[in-house]
């Protein structure tokens, strides 16, 4: 009886595990997007003159924000 129950519920356990993994991936994606937005907004608020003084361009800012977002876990 126990093995029958295990066989019948195995697909449900797999589905649940997949859903949990997908949920966690979505949360991580949202966290990365938010980190990117915050980083980009912070860097983009600097004037072009300030950026030039540091040798940065708007493209550099976008790349830095993207890199910062990748390190969110």
PDB file of N, CA and C in Angstrom:
ATOM      1  N   UNK A   1       0.830  -1.199   0.000  1.00  0.00           N
ATOM      2  CA  UNK A   1       0.000   0.000   0.000  1.00  0.00           C
ATOM      3  C   UNK A   1       0.871   1.259   0.000  1.00  0.00           C
ATOM      4  N   UNK A   2       1.906   1.225   0.816  1.00  0.00           N
ATOM      5  CA  UNK A   2       2.798   2.371   0.912  1.00  0.00           C
ATOM      6  C   UNK A   2       3.488   2.661  -0.421  1.00  0.00           C
ATOM      7  N   UNK A   3       3.945   1.608  -1.100  1.00  0.00           N
ATOM      8  CA  UNK A   3       4.619   1.813  -2.383  1.00  0.00           C
ATOM      9  C   UNK A   3       3.641   2.323  -3.441  1.00  0.00           C
ATOM     10  N   UNK A   4       2.402   1.906  -3.362  1.00  0.00           N
ATOM     11  CA  UNK A   4       1.390   2.402  -4.289  1.00  0.00           C
ATOM     12  C   UNK A   4       1.188   3.899  -4.090  1.00  0.00           C
ATOM     13  N   UNK A   5       1.098   4.320  -2.859  1.00  0.00           N
ATOM     14  CA  UNK A   5       0.936   5.749  -2.557  1.00  0.00           C
ATOM     15  C   UNK A   5       2.153   6.528  -3.042  1.00  0.00           C
ATOM     16  N   UNK A   6       3.337   5.991  -2.822  1.00  0.00           N
ATOM     17  CA  UNK A   6       4.555   6.667  -3.267  1.00  0.00           C
ATOM     18  C   UNK A   6       4.588   6.795  -4.785  1.00  0.00           C
ATOM     19  N   UNK A   7       4.200   5.743  -5.484  1.00  0.00           N
ATOM     20  CA  UNK A   7       4.175   5.797  -6.951  1.00  0.00           C
ATOM     21  C   UNK A   7       3.145   6.796  -7.456  1.00  0.00           C
ATOM     22  N   UNK A   8       2.014   6.867  -6.787  1.00  0.00           N
ATOM     23  CA  UNK A   8       0.965   7.788  -7.223  1.00  0.00           C
ATOM     24  C   UNK A   8       1.308   9.246  -6.916  1.00  0.00           C
ATOM     25  N   UNK A   9       2.025   9.472  -5.847  1.00  0.00           N
ATOM     26  CA  UNK A   9       2.338  10.853  -5.465  1.00  0.00           C
ATOM     27  C   UNK A   9       3.674  11.340  -6.021  1.00  0.00           C
ATOM     28  N   UNK A  10       4.480  10.465  -6.605  1.00  0.00           N
ATOM     29  CA  UNK A  10       5.786  10.865  -7.148  1.00  0.00           C
ATOM     30  C   UNK A  10       5.677  11.993  -8.180  1.00  0.00           C
ATOM     31  N   UNK A  11       4.747  11.899  -9.147  1.00  0.00           N
ATOM     32  CA  UNK A  11       4.631  13.001 -10.113  1.00  0.00           C
ATOM     33  C   UNK A  11       4.272  14.330  -9.441  1.00  0.00           C
ATOM     34  N   UNK A  12       3.459  14.257  -8.407  1.00  0.00           N
ATOM     35  CA  UNK A  12       3.096  15.483  -7.696  1.00  0.00           C
ATOM     36  C   UNK A  12       4.298  16.084  -6.987  1.00  0.00           C
ATOM     37  N   UNK A  13       5.130  15.241  -6.401  1.00  0.00           N
ATOM     38  CA  UNK A  13       6.330  15.735  -5.724  1.00  0.00           C
ATOM     39  C   UNK A  13       7.284  16.372  -6.730  1.00  0.00           C
ATOM     40  N   UNK A  14       7.410  15.759  -7.906  1.00  0.00           N
ATOM     41  CA  UNK A  14       8.267  16.326  -8.951  1.00  0.00           C
ATOM     42  C   UNK A  14       7.725  17.674  -9.405  1.00  0.00           C
ATOM     43  N   UNK A  15       6.425  17.734  -9.626  1.00  0.00           N
ATOM     44  CA  UNK A  15       5.798  18.979 -10.051  1.00  0.00           C
ATOM     45  C   UNK A  15       5.993  20.061  -9.002  1.00  0.00           C
ATOM     46  N   UNK A  16       5.812  19.698  -7.751  1.00  0.00           N
ATOM     47  CA  UNK A  16       5.996  20.663  -6.664  1.00  0.00           C
ATOM     48  C   UNK A  16       7.433  21.168  -6.637  1.00  0.00           C
ATOM     49  N   UNK A  17       8.393  20.273  -6.790  1.00  0.00           N
ATOM     50  CA  UNK A  17       9.804  20.667  -6.792  1.00  0.00           C
ATOM     51  C   UNK A  17      10.103  21.607  -7.960  1.00  0.00           C
ATOM     52  N   UNK A  18       9.533  21.306  -9.127  1.00  0.00           N
ATOM     53  CA  UNK A  18       9.732  22.180 -10.288  1.00  0.00           C
ATOM     54  C   UNK A  18       9.113  23.550 -10.062  1.00  0.00           C
ATOM     55  N   UNK A  19       7.933  23.580  -9.469  1.00  0.00           N
ATOM     56  CA  UNK A  19       7.280  24.859  -9.190  1.00  0.00           C
ATOM     57  C   UNK A  19       8.072  25.680  -8.181  1.00  0.00           C
ATOM     58  N   UNK A  20       8.603  25.027  -7.172  1.00  0.00           N
ATOM     59  CA  UNK A  20       9.410  25.735  -6.176  1.00  0.00           C
ATOM     60  C   UNK A  20      10.667  26.301  -6.828  1.00  0.00           C
ATOM     61  N   UNK A  21      11.318  25.502  -7.664  1.00  0.00           N
ATOM     62  CA  UNK A  21      12.521  25.974  -8.356  1.00  0.00           C
ATOM     63  C   UNK A  21      12.190  27.160  -9.258  1.00  0.00           C
ATOM     64  N   UNK A  22      11.092  27.079  -9.981  1.00  0.00           N
ATOM     65  CA  UNK A  22      10.684  28.172 -10.870  1.00  0.00           C
ATOM     66  C   UNK A  22      10.374  29.432 -10.070  1.00  0.00           C
ATOM     67  N   UNK A  23       9.688  29.271  -8.946  1.00  0.00           N
ATOM     68  CA  UNK A  23       9.390  30.414  -8.079  1.00  0.00           C
ATOM     69  C   UNK A  23      10.681  31.079  -7.611  1.00  0.00           C
ATOM     70  N   UNK A  24      11.647  30.275  -7.183  1.00  0.00           N
ATOM     71  CA  UNK A  24      12.921  30.818  -6.723  1.00  0.00           C
ATOM     72  C   UNK A  24      13.660  31.537  -7.849  1.00  0.00           C
ATOM     73  N   UNK A  25      13.607  30.978  -9.056  1.00  0.00           N
ATOM     74  CA  UNK A  25      14.238  31.631 -10.204  1.00  0.00           C
ATOM     75  C   UNK A  25      13.573  32.966 -10.512  1.00  0.00           C
ATOM     76  N   UNK A  26      12.254  33.020 -10.407  1.00  0.00           N
ATOM     77  CA  UNK A  26      11.544  34.274 -10.644  1.00  0.00           C
ATOM     78  C   UNK A  26      11.908  35.314  -9.597  1.00  0.00           C
ATOM     79  N   UNK A  27      11.994  34.898  -8.348  1.00  0.00           N
ATOM     80  CA  UNK A  27      12.390  35.828  -7.284  1.00  0.00           C
ATOM     81  C   UNK A  27      13.793  36.368  -7.524  1.00  0.00           C
ATOM     82  N   UNK A  28      14.702  35.505  -7.925  1.00  0.00           N
ATOM     83  CA  UNK A  28      16.064  35.930  -8.208  1.00  0.00           C
ATOM     84  C   UNK A  28      16.075  36.908  -9.382  1.00  0.00           C
ATOM     85  N   UNK A  29      15.287  36.620 -10.403  1.00  0.00           N
ATOM     86  CA  UNK A  29      15.196  37.526 -11.546  1.00  0.00           C
ATOM     87  C   UNK A  29      14.673  38.891 -11.143  1.00  0.00           C
ATOM     88  N   UNK A  30      13.661  38.915 -10.289  1.00  0.00           N
ATOM     89  CA  UNK A  30      13.127  40.188  -9.810  1.00  0.00           C
ATOM     90  C   UNK A  30      14.158  40.933  -8.982  1.00  0.00           C
ATOM     91  N   UNK A  31      14.886  40.231  -8.147  1.00  0.00           N
ATOM     92  CA  UNK A  31      15.921  40.861  -7.325  1.00  0.00           C
ATOM     93  C   UNK A  31      17.021  41.444  -8.204  1.00  0.00           C
ATOM     94  N   UNK A  32      17.387  40.719  -9.253  1.00  0.00           N
ATOM     95  CA  UNK A  32      18.421  41.227 -10.165  1.00  0.00           C
ATOM     96  C   UNK A  32      17.945  42.458 -10.916  1.00  0.00           C
ATOM     97  N   UNK A  33      16.699  42.438 -11.368  1.00  0.00           N
ATOM     98  CA  UNK A  33      16.168  43.609 -12.070  1.00  0.00           C
ATOM     99  C   UNK A  33      16.130  44.825 -11.154  1.00  0.00           C
ATOM    100  N   UNK A  34      15.725  44.613  -9.909  1.00  0.00           N
ATOM    101  CA  UNK A  34      15.669  45.720  -8.958  1.00  0.00           C
ATOM    102  C   UNK A  34      17.075  46.249  -8.667  1.00  0.00           C
ATOM    103  N   UNK A  35      18.037  45.361  -8.519  1.00  0.00           N
ATOM    104  CA  UNK A  35      19.423  45.792  -8.292  1.00  0.00           C
ATOM    105  C   UNK A  35      19.932  46.585  -9.492  1.00  0.00           C
ATOM    106  N   UNK A  36      19.611  46.125 -10.687  1.00  0.00           N
ATOM    107  CA  UNK A  36      20.002  46.839 -11.901  1.00  0.00           C
ATOM    108  C   UNK A  36      19.372  48.223 -11.918  1.00  0.00           C
ATOM    109  N   UNK A  37      18.083  48.294 -11.622  1.00  0.00           N
ATOM    110  CA  UNK A  37      17.389  49.581 -11.638  1.00  0.00           C
ATOM    111  C   UNK A  37      17.999  50.547 -10.635  1.00  0.00           C
ATOM    112  N   UNK A  38      18.227  50.080  -9.416  1.00  0.00           N
ATOM    113  CA  UNK A  38      18.790  50.947  -8.381  1.00  0.00           C
ATOM    114  C   UNK A  38      20.193  51.411  -8.748  1.00  0.00           C
ATOM    115  N   UNK A  39      21.002  50.487  -9.217  1.00  0.00           N
ATOM    116  CA  UNK A  39      22.370  50.828  -9.590  1.00  0.00           C
ATOM    117  C   UNK A  39      22.378  51.806 -10.761  1.00  0.00           C
ATOM    118  N   UNK A  40      21.555  51.537 -11.749  1.00  0.00           N
ATOM    119  CA  UNK A  40      21.504  52.415 -12.916  1.00  0.00           C
ATOM    120  C   UNK A  40      21.007  53.800 -12.528  1.00  0.00           C
ATOM    121  N   UNK A  41      19.966  53.863 -11.719  1.00  0.00           N
ATOM    122  CA  UNK A  41      19.426  55.161 -11.304  1.00  0.00           C
ATOM    123  C   UNK A  41      20.461  55.955 -10.518  1.00  0.00           C
ATOM    124  N   UNK A  42      21.181  55.267  -9.634  1.00  0.00           N
ATOM    125  CA  UNK A  42      22.197  55.945  -8.829  1.00  0.00           C
ATOM    126  C   UNK A  42      23.292  56.504  -9.731  1.00  0.00           C
ATOM    127  N   UNK A  43      23.791  55.677 -10.636  1.00  0.00           N
ATOM    128  CA  UNK A  43      24.868  56.129 -11.516  1.00  0.00           C
ATOM    129  C   UNK A  43      24.382  57.149 -12.540  1.00  0.00           C
ATOM    130  N   UNK A  44      23.177  56.957 -13.039  1.00  0.00           N
ATOM    131  CA  UNK A  44      22.651  57.855 -14.069  1.00  0.00           C
ATOM    132  C   UNK A  44      22.323  59.232 -13.517  1.00  0.00           C
ATOM    133  N   UNK A  45      22.171  59.343 -12.205  1.00  0.00           N
ATOM    134  CA  UNK A  45      21.850  60.646 -11.626  1.00  0.00           C
ATOM    135  C   UNK A  45      23.061  61.579 -11.638  1.00  0.00           C
ATOM    136  N   UNK A  46      24.235  61.034 -11.877  1.00  0.00           N
ATOM    137  CA  UNK A  46      25.419  61.877 -11.968  1.00  0.00           C
ATOM    138  C   UNK A  46      25.401  62.611 -13.303  1.00  0.00           C
ATOM    139  N   UNK A  47      25.949  63.811 -13.302  1.00  0.00           N
ATOM    140  CA  UNK A  47      25.962  64.588 -14.541  1.00  0.00           C
ATOM    141  C   UNK A  47      27.011  64.027 -15.497  1.00  0.00           C
ATOM    142  N   UNK A  48      26.882  64.406 -16.753  1.00  0.00           N
ATOM    143  CA  UNK A  48      27.849  63.957 -17.755  1.00  0.00           C
ATOM    144  C   UNK A  48      29.252  64.432 -17.404  1.00  0.00           C
ATOM    145  N   UNK A  49      29.372  65.631 -16.827  1.00  0.00           N
ATOM    146  CA  UNK A  49      30.685  66.158 -16.448  1.00  0.00           C
ATOM    147  C   UNK A  49      31.313  65.295 -15.353  1.00  0.00           C
ATOM    148  N   UNK A  50      30.496  64.901 -14.372  1.00  0.00           N
ATOM    149  CA  UNK A  50      31.009  64.035 -13.303  1.00  0.00           C
ATOM    150  C   UNK A  50      31.462  62.693 -13.873  1.00  0.00           C
ATOM    151  N   UNK A  51      30.678  62.180 -14.793  1.00  0.00           N
ATOM    152  CA  UNK A  51      31.034  60.899 -15.412  1.00  0.00           C
ATOM    153  C   UNK A  51      32.324  61.019 -16.209  1.00  0.00           C
ATOM    154  N   UNK A  52      32.447  62.096 -16.974  1.00  0.00           N
ATOM    155  CA  UNK A  52      33.646  62.301 -17.779  1.00  0.00           C
ATOM    156  C   UNK A  52      34.877  62.437 -16.888  1.00  0.00           C
ATOM    157  N   UNK A  53      34.709  63.070 -15.723  1.00  0.00           N
ATOM    158  CA  UNK A  53      35.829  63.223 -14.789  1.00  0.00           C
ATOM    159  C   UNK A  53      36.333  61.861 -14.317  1.00  0.00           C
ATOM    160  N   UNK A  54      35.452  60.882 -14.276  1.00  0.00           N
ATOM    161  CA  UNK A  54      35.834  59.531 -13.866  1.00  0.00           C
ATOM    162  C   UNK A  54      36.099  58.628 -15.067  1.00  0.00           C
ATOM    163  N   UNK A  55      36.038  59.206 -16.255  1.00  0.00           N
ATOM    164  CA  UNK A  55      36.290  58.421 -17.458  1.00  0.00           C
ATOM    165  C   UNK A  55      35.177  57.448 -17.790  1.00  0.00           C
ATOM    166  N   UNK A  56      33.938  57.794 -17.419  1.00  0.00           N
ATOM    167  CA  UNK A  56      32.798  56.908 -17.666  1.00  0.00           C
ATOM    168  C   UNK A  56      31.874  57.489 -18.727  1.00  0.00           C
ATOM    169  N   UNK A  57      31.212  56.615 -19.436  1.00  0.00           N
ATOM    170  CA  UNK A  57      30.165  57.017 -20.373  1.00  0.00           C
ATOM    171  C   UNK A  57      28.854  56.393 -19.913  1.00  0.00           C
ATOM    172  N   UNK A  58      27.777  56.768 -20.545  1.00  0.00           N
ATOM    173  CA  UNK A  58      26.479  56.170 -20.213  1.00  0.00           C
ATOM    174  C   UNK A  58      26.500  54.660 -20.486  1.00  0.00           C
ATOM    175  N   UNK A  59      27.212  54.256 -21.501  1.00  0.00           N
ATOM    176  CA  UNK A  59      27.333  52.825 -21.807  1.00  0.00           C
ATOM    177  C   UNK A  59      28.056  52.102 -20.667  1.00  0.00           C
ATOM    178  N   UNK A  60      29.098  52.749 -20.118  1.00  0.00           N
ATOM    179  CA  UNK A  60      29.818  52.159 -18.978  1.00  0.00           C
ATOM    180  C   UNK A  60      28.895  51.995 -17.779  1.00  0.00           C
ATOM    181  N   UNK A  61      28.033  52.977 -17.573  1.00  0.00           N
ATOM    182  CA  UNK A  61      27.088  52.926 -16.452  1.00  0.00           C
ATOM    183  C   UNK A  61      26.150  51.735 -16.613  1.00  0.00           C
ATOM    184  N   UNK A  62      25.624  51.575 -17.809  1.00  0.00           N
ATOM    185  CA  UNK A  62      24.703  50.460 -18.052  1.00  0.00           C
ATOM    186  C   UNK A  62      25.412  49.127 -17.816  1.00  0.00           C
ATOM    187  N   UNK A  63      26.663  49.025 -18.244  1.00  0.00           N
ATOM    188  CA  UNK A  63      27.411  47.781 -18.048  1.00  0.00           C
ATOM    189  C   UNK A  63      27.691  47.544 -16.567  1.00  0.00           C
ATOM    190  N   UNK A  64      28.047  48.599 -15.829  1.00  0.00           N
ATOM    191  CA  UNK A  64      28.288  48.448 -14.391  1.00  0.00           C
ATOM    192  C   UNK A  64      27.016  48.013 -13.670  1.00  0.00           C
ATOM    193  N   UNK A  65      25.902  48.596 -14.051  1.00  0.00           N
ATOM    194  CA  UNK A  65      24.627  48.228 -13.431  1.00  0.00           C
ATOM    195  C   UNK A  65      24.287  46.770 -13.738  1.00  0.00           C
ATOM    196  N   UNK A  66      24.538  46.365 -14.969  1.00  0.00           N
ATOM    197  CA  UNK A  66      24.272  44.970 -15.351  1.00  0.00           C
ATOM    198  C   UNK A  66      25.153  44.017 -14.545  1.00  0.00           C
ATOM    199  N   UNK A  67      26.419  44.363 -14.400  1.00  0.00           N
ATOM    200  CA  UNK A  67      27.337  43.520 -13.629  1.00  0.00           C
ATOM    201  C   UNK A  67      26.921  43.446 -12.161  1.00  0.00           C
ATOM    202  N   UNK A  68      26.491  44.576 -11.602  1.00  0.00           N
ATOM    203  CA  UNK A  68      26.045  44.587 -10.205  1.00  0.00           C
ATOM    204  C   UNK A  68      24.832  43.677 -10.032  1.00  0.00           C
ATOM    205  N   UNK A  69      23.941  43.696 -11.004  1.00  0.00           N
ATOM    206  CA  UNK A  69      22.733  42.869 -10.916  1.00  0.00           C
ATOM    207  C   UNK A  69      23.064  41.380 -10.998  1.00  0.00           C
ATOM    208  N   UNK A  70      24.115  41.037 -11.707  1.00  0.00           N
ATOM    209  CA  UNK A  70      24.485  39.625 -11.834  1.00  0.00           C
ATOM    210  C   UNK A  70      24.978  39.037 -10.519  1.00  0.00           C
ATOM    211  N   UNK A  71      25.455  39.892  -9.628  1.00  0.00           N
ATOM    212  CA  UNK A  71      26.001  39.406  -8.361  1.00  0.00           C
ATOM    213  C   UNK A  71      24.954  39.315  -7.260  1.00  0.00           C
ATOM    214  N   UNK A  72      23.704  39.590  -7.596  1.00  0.00           N
ATOM    215  CA  UNK A  72      22.616  39.456  -6.623  1.00  0.00           C
ATOM    216  C   UNK A  72      22.257  37.986  -6.515  1.00  0.00           C
ATOM    217  N   UNK A  73      22.100  37.502  -5.308  1.00  0.00           N
ATOM    218  CA  UNK A  73      21.692  36.098  -5.148  1.00  0.00           C
ATOM    219  C   UNK A  73      20.656  35.965  -4.063  1.00  0.00           C
TER     220      UNK A  73
END
